[in-house]
Amino acid sequence: MKIHHIAIYVHDLEKTKAFYETYFGGQTNTQYHNPKTGLKTYFLSFEGDCNLEIMEKPGIPIAEHSTEHTGYTHLAFSLGDPESVDRLTDRLRKDGYTVFSEPRTTGDGYYESCVSDPDGNRIEIVA
């Protein structure tokens, strides 16, 4: 058994789609729209058979993002080497995204940083 996809609600579907395409190489399908509910979605596929569904729907409240809580905490993308982690972290910072934690080697031996997507969701960038 494997996980098919992870889904998150966002407040700007097109901006979020562009973020995951631009910085993480996501390949997007055709937008789904349910006119009865107002729901709009995209599926983004990534190298390694991983999928992310981003969804937008009128009336969904904005989540408060804290550093520690139960539930969804972060997505992690592996880039393969520390230099790529450094470069992408710097690029995201220069493009105005929040860097929650600078590139570093963690206590469990991973080289990673943590940044924000357009809605404040945490994204780990791992070597």
N, C-alpha and C. Protein backbone atom coordinates (compact mmCIF):
# COMPACT_ATOMS: atom_id res chain seq x y z
N MET A 1 0.85 -1.17 0.00
CA MET A 1 0.00 0.00 0.00
C MET A 1 0.89 1.24 0.00
N LYS A 2 0.46 2.29 -0.69
CA LYS A 2 1.22 3.54 -0.70
C LYS A 2 0.26 4.72 -0.61
N ILE A 3 0.77 5.83 -0.16
CA ILE A 3 -0.02 7.06 -0.11
C ILE A 3 -0.19 7.55 -1.54
N HIS A 4 -1.42 7.83 -1.94
CA HIS A 4 -1.69 8.32 -3.30
C HIS A 4 -1.44 9.82 -3.43
N HIS A 5 -1.96 10.61 -2.47
CA HIS A 5 -1.72 12.04 -2.50
C HIS A 5 -2.00 12.67 -1.15
N ILE A 6 -1.55 13.88 -1.01
CA ILE A 6 -1.80 14.72 0.15
C ILE A 6 -2.55 15.93 -0.38
N ALA A 7 -3.53 16.44 0.37
CA ALA A 7 -4.34 17.57 -0.09
C ALA A 7 -4.30 18.69 0.94
N ILE A 8 -4.24 19.93 0.44
CA ILE A 8 -4.30 21.10 1.30
C ILE A 8 -5.22 22.15 0.67
N TYR A 9 -5.98 22.84 1.53
CA TYR A 9 -6.73 24.00 1.07
C TYR A 9 -5.79 25.19 1.02
N VAL A 10 -5.98 26.03 0.02
CA VAL A 10 -5.19 27.25 -0.14
C VAL A 10 -6.13 28.41 -0.44
N HIS A 11 -5.62 29.63 -0.33
CA HIS A 11 -6.46 30.79 -0.57
C HIS A 11 -6.24 31.44 -1.93
N ASP A 12 -5.17 31.08 -2.61
CA ASP A 12 -4.92 31.58 -3.96
C ASP A 12 -4.40 30.40 -4.78
N LEU A 13 -5.33 29.71 -5.42
CA LEU A 13 -5.02 28.48 -6.13
C LEU A 13 -3.94 28.68 -7.19
N GLU A 14 -4.07 29.72 -7.99
CA GLU A 14 -3.12 29.93 -9.09
C GLU A 14 -1.74 30.30 -8.56
N LYS A 15 -1.67 31.12 -7.53
CA LYS A 15 -0.38 31.49 -6.95
C LYS A 15 0.31 30.27 -6.34
N THR A 16 -0.46 29.44 -5.66
CA THR A 16 0.11 28.25 -5.04
C THR A 16 0.56 27.25 -6.11
N LYS A 17 -0.23 27.09 -7.15
CA LYS A 17 0.15 26.21 -8.26
C LYS A 17 1.48 26.66 -8.86
N ALA A 18 1.60 27.96 -9.11
CA ALA A 18 2.83 28.50 -9.68
C ALA A 18 4.03 28.27 -8.75
N PHE A 19 3.81 28.40 -7.44
CA PHE A 19 4.88 28.19 -6.45
C PHE A 19 5.43 26.76 -6.57
N TYR A 20 4.56 25.77 -6.53
CA TYR A 20 5.02 24.38 -6.56
C TYR A 20 5.57 23.99 -7.94
N GLU A 21 5.08 24.60 -9.00
CA GLU A 21 5.65 24.35 -10.33
C GLU A 21 7.04 24.98 -10.44
N THR A 22 7.15 26.23 -10.02
CA THR A 22 8.38 27.00 -10.18
C THR A 22 9.53 26.47 -9.33
N TYR A 23 9.27 26.25 -8.06
CA TYR A 23 10.35 25.92 -7.14
C TYR A 23 10.59 24.42 -6.94
N PHE A 24 9.57 23.59 -7.19
CA PHE A 24 9.70 22.16 -6.89
C PHE A 24 9.40 21.26 -8.09
N GLY A 25 9.21 21.85 -9.27
CA GLY A 25 9.05 21.06 -10.48
C GLY A 25 7.74 20.31 -10.60
N GLY A 26 6.70 20.77 -9.90
CA GLY A 26 5.41 20.11 -9.97
C GLY A 26 4.81 20.18 -11.37
N GLN A 27 4.22 19.09 -11.80
CA GLN A 27 3.52 19.02 -13.08
C GLN A 27 2.03 19.01 -12.78
N THR A 28 1.28 19.96 -13.35
CA THR A 28 -0.11 20.16 -12.99
C THR A 28 -1.06 19.57 -14.02
N ASN A 29 -2.17 19.00 -13.50
CA ASN A 29 -3.22 18.53 -14.40
C ASN A 29 -4.17 19.68 -14.72
N THR A 30 -5.23 19.38 -15.43
CA THR A 30 -6.26 20.36 -15.73
C THR A 30 -7.06 20.66 -14.48
N GLN A 31 -7.42 21.91 -14.30
CA GLN A 31 -8.17 22.29 -13.11
C GLN A 31 -9.54 21.62 -13.09
N TYR A 32 -9.92 21.12 -11.90
CA TYR A 32 -11.26 20.61 -11.66
C TYR A 32 -12.05 21.73 -10.99
N HIS A 33 -13.31 21.91 -11.40
CA HIS A 33 -14.17 22.93 -10.79
C HIS A 33 -15.56 22.35 -10.59
N ASN A 34 -16.05 22.44 -9.36
CA ASN A 34 -17.42 22.03 -9.05
C ASN A 34 -18.23 23.31 -8.88
N PRO A 35 -19.04 23.69 -9.86
CA PRO A 35 -19.78 24.95 -9.77
C PRO A 35 -20.81 24.99 -8.64
N LYS A 36 -21.28 23.82 -8.19
CA LYS A 36 -22.26 23.81 -7.09
C LYS A 36 -21.63 24.25 -5.78
N THR A 37 -20.42 23.78 -5.50
CA THR A 37 -19.77 24.09 -4.22
C THR A 37 -18.73 25.19 -4.33
N GLY A 38 -18.31 25.51 -5.54
CA GLY A 38 -17.25 26.48 -5.73
C GLY A 38 -15.85 25.90 -5.61
N LEU A 39 -15.75 24.60 -5.32
CA LEU A 39 -14.45 23.95 -5.16
C LEU A 39 -13.69 23.95 -6.48
N LYS A 40 -12.41 24.34 -6.41
CA LYS A 40 -11.48 24.25 -7.54
C LYS A 40 -10.25 23.53 -7.04
N THR A 41 -9.71 22.62 -7.86
CA THR A 41 -8.53 21.86 -7.45
C THR A 41 -7.57 21.66 -8.62
N TYR A 42 -6.33 21.43 -8.25
CA TYR A 42 -5.30 20.93 -9.16
C TYR A 42 -4.59 19.78 -8.46
N PHE A 43 -4.18 18.80 -9.24
CA PHE A 43 -3.25 17.80 -8.76
C PHE A 43 -1.89 18.14 -9.34
N LEU A 44 -0.89 18.17 -8.48
CA LEU A 44 0.49 18.36 -8.92
C LEU A 44 1.23 17.05 -8.68
N SER A 45 1.94 16.59 -9.69
CA SER A 45 2.74 15.38 -9.53
C SER A 45 4.21 15.77 -9.51
N PHE A 46 4.97 15.01 -8.74
CA PHE A 46 6.38 15.29 -8.56
C PHE A 46 7.17 14.03 -8.86
N GLU A 47 8.45 14.19 -9.10
CA GLU A 47 9.33 13.06 -9.34
C GLU A 47 9.19 12.07 -8.19
N GLY A 48 9.16 10.81 -8.51
CA GLY A 48 9.06 9.79 -7.47
C GLY A 48 7.64 9.38 -7.15
N ASP A 49 6.69 9.69 -8.02
CA ASP A 49 5.31 9.23 -7.85
C ASP A 49 4.61 9.82 -6.63
N CYS A 50 4.89 11.08 -6.33
CA CYS A 50 4.24 11.76 -5.21
C CYS A 50 3.30 12.82 -5.78
N ASN A 51 2.11 12.94 -5.18
CA ASN A 51 1.12 13.89 -5.67
C ASN A 51 0.63 14.80 -4.54
N LEU A 52 0.35 16.03 -4.90
CA LEU A 52 -0.19 17.02 -3.99
C LEU A 52 -1.44 17.60 -4.63
N GLU A 53 -2.55 17.58 -3.90
CA GLU A 53 -3.77 18.21 -4.38
C GLU A 53 -3.90 19.55 -3.65
N ILE A 54 -4.01 20.62 -4.43
CA ILE A 54 -4.27 21.93 -3.84
C ILE A 54 -5.70 22.30 -4.17
N MET A 55 -6.41 22.81 -3.16
CA MET A 55 -7.85 23.04 -3.28
C MET A 55 -8.19 24.44 -2.79
N GLU A 56 -9.15 25.06 -3.48
CA GLU A 56 -9.65 26.38 -3.10
C GLU A 56 -11.17 26.31 -3.09
N LYS A 57 -11.78 26.86 -2.04
CA LYS A 57 -13.23 26.83 -1.93
C LYS A 57 -13.67 28.05 -1.13
N PRO A 58 -14.71 28.73 -1.58
CA PRO A 58 -15.20 29.89 -0.83
C PRO A 58 -15.58 29.52 0.60
N GLY A 59 -15.24 30.40 1.54
CA GLY A 59 -15.65 30.22 2.92
C GLY A 59 -14.71 29.41 3.79
N ILE A 60 -13.62 28.89 3.23
CA ILE A 60 -12.67 28.13 4.05
C ILE A 60 -11.88 29.13 4.90
N PRO A 61 -11.89 28.98 6.23
CA PRO A 61 -11.20 29.95 7.09
C PRO A 61 -9.68 29.82 6.97
N ILE A 62 -9.00 30.91 7.23
CA ILE A 62 -7.54 30.92 7.22
C ILE A 62 -7.04 30.23 8.48
N ALA A 63 -6.13 29.29 8.29
CA ALA A 63 -5.56 28.55 9.43
C ALA A 63 -4.49 29.39 10.12
N GLU A 64 -4.40 29.22 11.42
CA GLU A 64 -3.31 29.82 12.16
C GLU A 64 -2.16 28.83 12.17
N HIS A 65 -1.01 29.25 11.69
CA HIS A 65 0.15 28.37 11.63
C HIS A 65 1.03 28.62 12.84
N SER A 66 1.22 27.59 13.63
CA SER A 66 2.14 27.67 14.75
C SER A 66 3.26 26.67 14.50
N THR A 67 4.32 26.77 15.28
CA THR A 67 5.46 25.89 15.04
C THR A 67 5.20 24.46 15.44
N GLU A 68 4.38 24.24 16.45
CA GLU A 68 4.09 22.88 16.87
C GLU A 68 2.61 22.72 17.13
N HIS A 69 2.01 21.70 16.53
CA HIS A 69 0.59 21.42 16.69
C HIS A 69 0.33 20.02 16.17
N THR A 70 -0.82 19.47 16.49
CA THR A 70 -1.17 18.18 15.91
C THR A 70 -1.67 18.40 14.49
N GLY A 71 -1.66 17.36 13.69
CA GLY A 71 -2.12 17.47 12.32
C GLY A 71 -0.98 17.76 11.36
N TYR A 72 -1.34 18.23 10.18
CA TYR A 72 -0.37 18.53 9.13
C TYR A 72 0.72 19.45 9.68
N THR A 73 1.97 19.08 9.49
CA THR A 73 3.08 19.89 9.97
C THR A 73 3.92 20.44 8.82
N HIS A 74 4.32 19.59 7.88
CA HIS A 74 5.11 20.07 6.75
C HIS A 74 5.12 19.04 5.62
N LEU A 75 5.51 19.52 4.44
CA LEU A 75 5.86 18.66 3.32
C LEU A 75 7.38 18.73 3.21
N ALA A 76 8.01 17.67 2.77
CA ALA A 76 9.46 17.67 2.60
C ALA A 76 9.80 17.27 1.17
N PHE A 77 10.67 18.05 0.55
CA PHE A 77 11.16 17.77 -0.79
C PHE A 77 12.65 17.50 -0.71
N SER A 78 13.10 16.39 -1.27
CA SER A 78 14.51 16.04 -1.28
C SER A 78 15.14 16.53 -2.57
N LEU A 79 16.22 17.29 -2.44
CA LEU A 79 16.92 17.82 -3.60
C LEU A 79 18.20 17.05 -3.93
N GLY A 80 18.68 16.24 -2.99
CA GLY A 80 19.81 15.38 -3.29
C GLY A 80 21.16 15.82 -2.75
N ASP A 81 21.36 17.14 -2.53
CA ASP A 81 22.67 17.57 -2.03
C ASP A 81 22.53 18.90 -1.28
N PRO A 82 23.45 19.16 -0.34
CA PRO A 82 23.38 20.39 0.46
C PRO A 82 23.43 21.68 -0.35
N GLU A 83 24.20 21.69 -1.43
CA GLU A 83 24.32 22.90 -2.24
C GLU A 83 22.98 23.29 -2.86
N SER A 84 22.21 22.30 -3.28
CA SER A 84 20.88 22.58 -3.84
C SER A 84 19.94 23.13 -2.78
N VAL A 85 20.05 22.62 -1.56
CA VAL A 85 19.24 23.14 -0.45
C VAL A 85 19.59 24.61 -0.22
N ASP A 86 20.87 24.92 -0.18
CA ASP A 86 21.32 26.30 0.02
C ASP A 86 20.80 27.22 -1.08
N ARG A 87 20.95 26.79 -2.34
CA ARG A 87 20.54 27.62 -3.47
C ARG A 87 19.04 27.89 -3.47
N LEU A 88 18.23 26.83 -3.26
CA LEU A 88 16.78 27.03 -3.30
C LEU A 88 16.31 27.86 -2.12
N THR A 89 16.89 27.66 -0.95
CA THR A 89 16.53 28.47 0.21
C THR A 89 16.82 29.94 -0.06
N ASP A 90 18.00 30.24 -0.61
CA ASP A 90 18.34 31.63 -0.95
C ASP A 90 17.40 32.20 -1.99
N ARG A 91 17.07 31.42 -3.00
CA ARG A 91 16.17 31.88 -4.05
C ARG A 91 14.79 32.22 -3.49
N LEU A 92 14.26 31.34 -2.63
CA LEU A 92 12.95 31.59 -2.03
C LEU A 92 12.97 32.84 -1.15
N ARG A 93 14.05 33.02 -0.38
CA ARG A 93 14.18 34.22 0.46
C ARG A 93 14.19 35.48 -0.42
N LYS A 94 14.98 35.46 -1.48
CA LYS A 94 15.07 36.61 -2.39
C LYS A 94 13.74 36.89 -3.07
N ASP A 95 12.94 35.85 -3.29
CA ASP A 95 11.64 36.02 -3.92
C ASP A 95 10.53 36.37 -2.93
N GLY A 96 10.91 36.59 -1.64
CA GLY A 96 9.97 37.10 -0.66
C GLY A 96 9.29 36.08 0.23
N TYR A 97 9.71 34.83 0.16
CA TYR A 97 9.10 33.81 1.01
C TYR A 97 9.82 33.74 2.36
N THR A 98 9.10 33.37 3.39
CA THR A 98 9.65 33.27 4.73
C THR A 98 10.54 32.04 4.84
N VAL A 99 11.71 32.23 5.43
CA VAL A 99 12.58 31.11 5.76
C VAL A 99 12.43 30.89 7.27
N PHE A 100 11.80 29.78 7.64
CA PHE A 100 11.58 29.47 9.05
C PHE A 100 12.86 29.01 9.73
N SER A 101 13.66 28.23 9.02
CA SER A 101 14.94 27.79 9.57
C SER A 101 15.96 27.69 8.44
N GLU A 102 17.14 28.21 8.73
CA GLU A 102 18.23 28.24 7.75
C GLU A 102 18.76 26.83 7.49
N PRO A 103 19.42 26.63 6.35
CA PRO A 103 20.02 25.32 6.08
C PRO A 103 20.99 24.93 7.19
N ARG A 104 20.86 23.67 7.62
CA ARG A 104 21.67 23.17 8.72
C ARG A 104 21.59 21.66 8.74
N THR A 105 22.49 21.04 9.48
CA THR A 105 22.40 19.61 9.73
C THR A 105 21.65 19.42 11.03
N THR A 106 20.56 18.68 10.98
CA THR A 106 19.71 18.47 12.15
C THR A 106 20.30 17.38 13.05
N GLY A 107 19.74 17.25 14.24
CA GLY A 107 20.22 16.25 15.19
C GLY A 107 20.12 14.82 14.68
N ASP A 108 19.16 14.59 13.75
CA ASP A 108 19.03 13.24 13.20
C ASP A 108 19.80 13.06 11.89
N GLY A 109 20.67 14.05 11.59
CA GLY A 109 21.61 13.89 10.47
C GLY A 109 21.16 14.39 9.12
N TYR A 110 19.99 15.02 9.01
CA TYR A 110 19.53 15.55 7.73
C TYR A 110 20.05 16.97 7.53
N TYR A 111 20.41 17.29 6.29
CA TYR A 111 20.74 18.67 5.95
C TYR A 111 19.48 19.26 5.34
N GLU A 112 18.94 20.30 5.97
CA GLU A 112 17.65 20.82 5.53
C GLU A 112 17.46 22.28 5.93
N SER A 113 16.47 22.89 5.29
CA SER A 113 15.95 24.19 5.70
C SER A 113 14.44 24.06 5.73
N CYS A 114 13.77 25.08 6.23
CA CYS A 114 12.31 25.06 6.25
C CYS A 114 11.82 26.44 5.81
N VAL A 115 10.94 26.44 4.80
CA VAL A 115 10.44 27.68 4.20
C VAL A 115 8.91 27.66 4.18
N SER A 116 8.34 28.78 3.76
CA SER A 116 6.89 28.92 3.68
C SER A 116 6.41 28.86 2.24
N ASP A 117 5.26 28.22 2.03
CA ASP A 117 4.59 28.36 0.74
C ASP A 117 3.74 29.63 0.81
N PRO A 118 3.00 29.99 -0.24
CA PRO A 118 2.23 31.24 -0.22
C PRO A 118 1.19 31.34 0.90
N ASP A 119 0.71 30.21 1.43
CA ASP A 119 -0.28 30.23 2.50
C ASP A 119 0.31 30.04 3.89
N GLY A 120 1.63 30.01 3.99
CA GLY A 120 2.27 29.83 5.29
C GLY A 120 2.51 28.39 5.68
N ASN A 121 2.19 27.44 4.79
CA ASN A 121 2.47 26.04 5.08
C ASN A 121 3.98 25.81 5.05
N ARG A 122 4.45 24.98 5.96
CA ARG A 122 5.87 24.71 6.08
C ARG A 122 6.32 23.68 5.05
N ILE A 123 7.43 24.01 4.38
CA ILE A 123 8.02 23.13 3.38
C ILE A 123 9.48 22.89 3.81
N GLU A 124 9.84 21.65 4.06
CA GLU A 124 11.23 21.32 4.34
C GLU A 124 11.92 21.03 3.03
N ILE A 125 13.11 21.57 2.89
CA ILE A 125 13.95 21.30 1.73
C ILE A 125 15.12 20.48 2.25
N VAL A 126 15.25 19.24 1.80
CA VAL A 126 16.18 18.28 2.35
C VAL A 126 17.21 17.89 1.29
N ALA A 127 18.46 17.68 1.74
CA ALA A 127 19.51 17.23 0.81
C ALA A 127 19.26 15.79 0.41
